[in-house]
């Protein structure tokens, strides 16, 4: 699955366009490397997102095409 879509479906970022912009600005890394929005995300990958001074680091536990809001948090775990 594309990184920007994963960020939206997992609700780490609310909108896909904002996820796309964050990737283009270099604020998202996958496994320690700056990632483009089109990068593939797989189970076990570590994603880090920088929101200003705040950093969010998660490990991908599941990749789903769609999910309900209540189950979105099951797609990752915080590190």
N, C-alpha and C. Protein backbone atom coordinates (compact mmCIF):
# COMPACT_ATOMS: atom_id res chain seq x y z
N UNK A 1 0.84 -1.17 0.00
CA UNK A 1 0.00 0.00 0.00
C UNK A 1 0.89 1.24 0.00
N UNK A 2 0.44 2.29 -0.68
CA UNK A 2 1.18 3.55 -0.70
C UNK A 2 1.22 4.17 0.70
N UNK A 3 2.31 4.85 0.99
CA UNK A 3 2.49 5.47 2.31
C UNK A 3 1.41 6.50 2.60
N UNK A 4 1.10 7.38 1.64
CA UNK A 4 0.10 8.41 1.91
C UNK A 4 -1.28 7.81 2.19
N UNK A 5 -1.63 6.74 1.50
CA UNK A 5 -2.91 6.09 1.74
C UNK A 5 -2.91 5.40 3.11
N UNK A 6 -1.79 4.77 3.47
CA UNK A 6 -1.71 4.11 4.78
C UNK A 6 -1.89 5.13 5.91
N UNK A 7 -1.24 6.27 5.79
CA UNK A 7 -1.34 7.30 6.83
C UNK A 7 -2.79 7.77 6.99
N UNK A 8 -3.51 7.86 5.88
CA UNK A 8 -4.92 8.28 5.94
C UNK A 8 -5.81 7.17 6.51
N UNK A 9 -5.67 5.95 6.00
CA UNK A 9 -6.53 4.84 6.45
C UNK A 9 -6.30 4.54 7.93
N UNK A 10 -5.05 4.61 8.39
CA UNK A 10 -4.75 4.35 9.80
C UNK A 10 -5.08 5.54 10.68
N UNK A 11 -5.42 6.66 10.05
CA UNK A 11 -5.78 7.90 10.73
C UNK A 11 -4.64 8.51 11.53
N UNK A 12 -3.40 8.23 11.13
CA UNK A 12 -2.26 8.93 11.71
C UNK A 12 -2.26 10.38 11.21
N UNK A 13 -2.72 10.56 9.97
CA UNK A 13 -2.93 11.89 9.38
C UNK A 13 -4.35 11.88 8.80
N UNK A 14 -5.10 12.96 9.01
CA UNK A 14 -6.52 12.97 8.66
C UNK A 14 -6.82 12.86 7.17
N UNK A 15 -6.05 13.58 6.35
CA UNK A 15 -6.37 13.62 4.91
C UNK A 15 -5.18 13.15 4.09
N UNK A 16 -5.49 12.52 2.97
CA UNK A 16 -4.43 11.99 2.09
C UNK A 16 -3.60 13.11 1.49
N UNK A 17 -4.22 14.24 1.18
CA UNK A 17 -3.45 15.35 0.61
C UNK A 17 -2.46 15.91 1.62
N UNK A 18 -2.84 15.95 2.88
CA UNK A 18 -1.93 16.42 3.93
C UNK A 18 -0.81 15.40 4.12
N UNK A 19 -1.13 14.12 4.05
CA UNK A 19 -0.11 13.08 4.14
C UNK A 19 0.88 13.21 2.99
N UNK A 20 0.35 13.50 1.80
CA UNK A 20 1.18 13.70 0.61
C UNK A 20 2.12 14.88 0.80
N UNK A 21 1.61 15.99 1.32
CA UNK A 21 2.42 17.18 1.56
C UNK A 21 3.49 16.93 2.61
N UNK A 22 3.17 16.18 3.66
CA UNK A 22 4.15 15.86 4.70
C UNK A 22 5.29 15.03 4.13
N UNK A 23 4.96 14.09 3.26
CA UNK A 23 5.98 13.26 2.62
C UNK A 23 6.87 14.10 1.70
N UNK A 24 6.25 14.99 0.93
CA UNK A 24 7.00 15.85 0.01
C UNK A 24 7.93 16.79 0.75
N UNK A 25 7.54 17.20 1.95
CA UNK A 25 8.35 18.12 2.76
C UNK A 25 9.46 17.39 3.51
N UNK A 26 9.50 16.06 3.41
CA UNK A 26 10.56 15.29 4.08
C UNK A 26 10.32 15.07 5.56
N UNK A 27 9.07 15.18 6.01
CA UNK A 27 8.76 15.02 7.43
C UNK A 27 8.39 13.59 7.81
N UNK A 28 8.39 12.67 6.83
CA UNK A 28 8.02 11.28 7.09
C UNK A 28 9.17 10.37 6.70
N UNK A 29 9.54 9.46 7.61
CA UNK A 29 10.58 8.47 7.30
C UNK A 29 10.02 7.07 7.50
N UNK A 30 10.49 6.15 6.68
CA UNK A 30 10.13 4.73 6.80
C UNK A 30 11.43 3.97 6.97
N UNK A 31 11.55 3.26 8.09
CA UNK A 31 12.76 2.50 8.42
C UNK A 31 14.01 3.37 8.37
N UNK A 32 13.88 4.62 8.86
CA UNK A 32 15.03 5.51 8.96
C UNK A 32 15.39 6.28 7.70
N UNK A 33 14.66 6.08 6.61
CA UNK A 33 14.94 6.77 5.35
C UNK A 33 13.77 7.68 4.98
N UNK A 34 14.09 8.90 4.52
CA UNK A 34 13.04 9.81 4.08
C UNK A 34 12.25 9.14 2.96
N UNK A 35 10.92 9.19 3.08
CA UNK A 35 10.08 8.45 2.14
C UNK A 35 9.18 9.38 1.33
N UNK A 36 8.95 9.00 0.09
CA UNK A 36 7.99 9.70 -0.76
C UNK A 36 6.60 9.12 -0.50
N UNK A 37 5.59 9.85 -0.94
CA UNK A 37 4.21 9.41 -0.74
C UNK A 37 3.92 8.08 -1.42
N UNK A 38 4.66 7.78 -2.49
CA UNK A 38 4.40 6.56 -3.25
C UNK A 38 5.15 5.34 -2.69
N UNK A 39 5.91 5.50 -1.62
CA UNK A 39 6.67 4.39 -1.04
C UNK A 39 5.71 3.30 -0.54
N UNK A 40 6.12 2.05 -0.70
CA UNK A 40 5.30 0.93 -0.23
C UNK A 40 5.47 0.74 1.27
N UNK A 41 4.36 0.44 1.93
CA UNK A 41 4.36 0.17 3.37
C UNK A 41 3.99 -1.29 3.56
N UNK A 42 4.75 -1.99 4.40
CA UNK A 42 4.47 -3.40 4.68
C UNK A 42 4.47 -3.62 6.18
N UNK A 43 3.96 -4.75 6.59
CA UNK A 43 3.93 -5.14 8.00
C UNK A 43 5.36 -5.14 8.55
N UNK A 44 5.55 -4.55 9.72
CA UNK A 44 6.86 -4.53 10.35
C UNK A 44 7.66 -3.26 10.08
N UNK A 45 7.24 -2.43 9.14
CA UNK A 45 7.94 -1.16 8.86
C UNK A 45 7.77 -0.21 10.04
N UNK A 46 8.78 0.65 10.25
CA UNK A 46 8.72 1.67 11.29
C UNK A 46 8.58 3.02 10.60
N UNK A 47 7.52 3.74 10.94
CA UNK A 47 7.23 5.04 10.34
C UNK A 47 7.40 6.11 11.41
N UNK A 48 8.13 7.18 11.06
CA UNK A 48 8.28 8.32 11.97
C UNK A 48 7.78 9.57 11.26
N UNK A 49 6.91 10.31 11.94
CA UNK A 49 6.34 11.54 11.39
C UNK A 49 6.70 12.68 12.32
N UNK A 50 7.19 13.79 11.74
CA UNK A 50 7.53 14.97 12.52
C UNK A 50 6.46 16.03 12.32
N UNK A 51 5.82 16.44 13.41
CA UNK A 51 4.84 17.52 13.42
C UNK A 51 5.46 18.66 14.22
N UNK A 52 6.22 19.54 13.59
CA UNK A 52 6.89 20.61 14.31
C UNK A 52 7.90 20.02 15.28
N UNK A 53 7.72 20.26 16.58
CA UNK A 53 8.62 19.72 17.60
C UNK A 53 8.25 18.30 18.03
N UNK A 54 7.03 17.89 17.70
CA UNK A 54 6.54 16.57 18.12
C UNK A 54 6.92 15.50 17.10
N UNK A 55 7.32 14.35 17.58
CA UNK A 55 7.64 13.21 16.71
C UNK A 55 6.75 12.03 17.10
N UNK A 56 6.20 11.38 16.08
CA UNK A 56 5.37 10.20 16.30
C UNK A 56 6.07 9.04 15.60
N UNK A 57 6.35 7.98 16.37
CA UNK A 57 7.04 6.82 15.81
C UNK A 57 6.16 5.59 16.05
N UNK A 58 5.81 4.91 14.95
CA UNK A 58 4.93 3.75 15.04
C UNK A 58 5.48 2.59 14.22
N UNK A 59 5.08 1.39 14.60
CA UNK A 59 5.41 0.19 13.82
C UNK A 59 4.13 -0.32 13.18
N UNK A 60 4.20 -0.63 11.89
CA UNK A 60 3.04 -1.12 11.15
C UNK A 60 2.75 -2.55 11.60
N UNK A 61 1.53 -2.79 12.09
CA UNK A 61 1.15 -4.14 12.51
C UNK A 61 0.19 -4.80 11.53
N UNK A 62 -0.49 -3.97 10.72
CA UNK A 62 -1.45 -4.50 9.76
C UNK A 62 -1.64 -3.50 8.63
N UNK A 63 -1.88 -3.99 7.43
CA UNK A 63 -2.13 -3.13 6.27
C UNK A 63 -3.50 -3.51 5.72
N UNK A 64 -4.47 -2.59 5.88
CA UNK A 64 -5.84 -2.81 5.42
C UNK A 64 -6.23 -1.72 4.44
N UNK A 65 -6.98 -2.09 3.40
CA UNK A 65 -7.43 -1.11 2.41
C UNK A 65 -8.42 -0.12 3.02
N UNK A 66 -9.32 -0.62 3.84
CA UNK A 66 -10.29 0.24 4.53
C UNK A 66 -10.48 -0.29 5.95
N UNK A 67 -10.88 0.59 6.83
CA UNK A 67 -11.17 0.19 8.20
C UNK A 67 -12.07 1.23 8.85
N UNK A 68 -12.76 0.83 9.89
CA UNK A 68 -13.61 1.76 10.63
C UNK A 68 -12.73 2.56 11.59
N UNK A 69 -13.23 3.70 11.97
CA UNK A 69 -12.50 4.60 12.86
C UNK A 69 -12.09 3.90 14.16
N UNK A 70 -12.98 3.08 14.69
CA UNK A 70 -12.71 2.40 15.96
C UNK A 70 -11.56 1.40 15.85
N UNK A 71 -11.37 0.82 14.66
CA UNK A 71 -10.35 -0.22 14.47
C UNK A 71 -9.06 0.30 13.86
N UNK A 72 -9.00 1.59 13.55
CA UNK A 72 -7.81 2.15 12.87
C UNK A 72 -6.56 2.03 13.72
N UNK A 73 -6.68 2.17 15.03
CA UNK A 73 -5.52 2.12 15.92
C UNK A 73 -4.88 0.73 15.97
N UNK A 74 -5.59 -0.29 15.50
CA UNK A 74 -5.03 -1.64 15.48
C UNK A 74 -4.05 -1.85 14.34
N UNK A 75 -3.95 -0.87 13.43
CA UNK A 75 -3.07 -0.99 12.27
C UNK A 75 -1.61 -0.66 12.62
N UNK A 76 -1.37 -0.12 13.82
CA UNK A 76 -0.01 0.27 14.22
C UNK A 76 0.12 0.21 15.73
N UNK A 77 1.38 0.24 16.20
CA UNK A 77 1.62 0.37 17.63
C UNK A 77 2.70 1.43 17.84
N UNK A 78 2.52 2.23 18.87
CA UNK A 78 3.48 3.29 19.17
C UNK A 78 4.78 2.71 19.71
N UNK A 79 5.88 3.33 19.33
CA UNK A 79 7.20 2.91 19.84
C UNK A 79 7.75 3.96 20.77
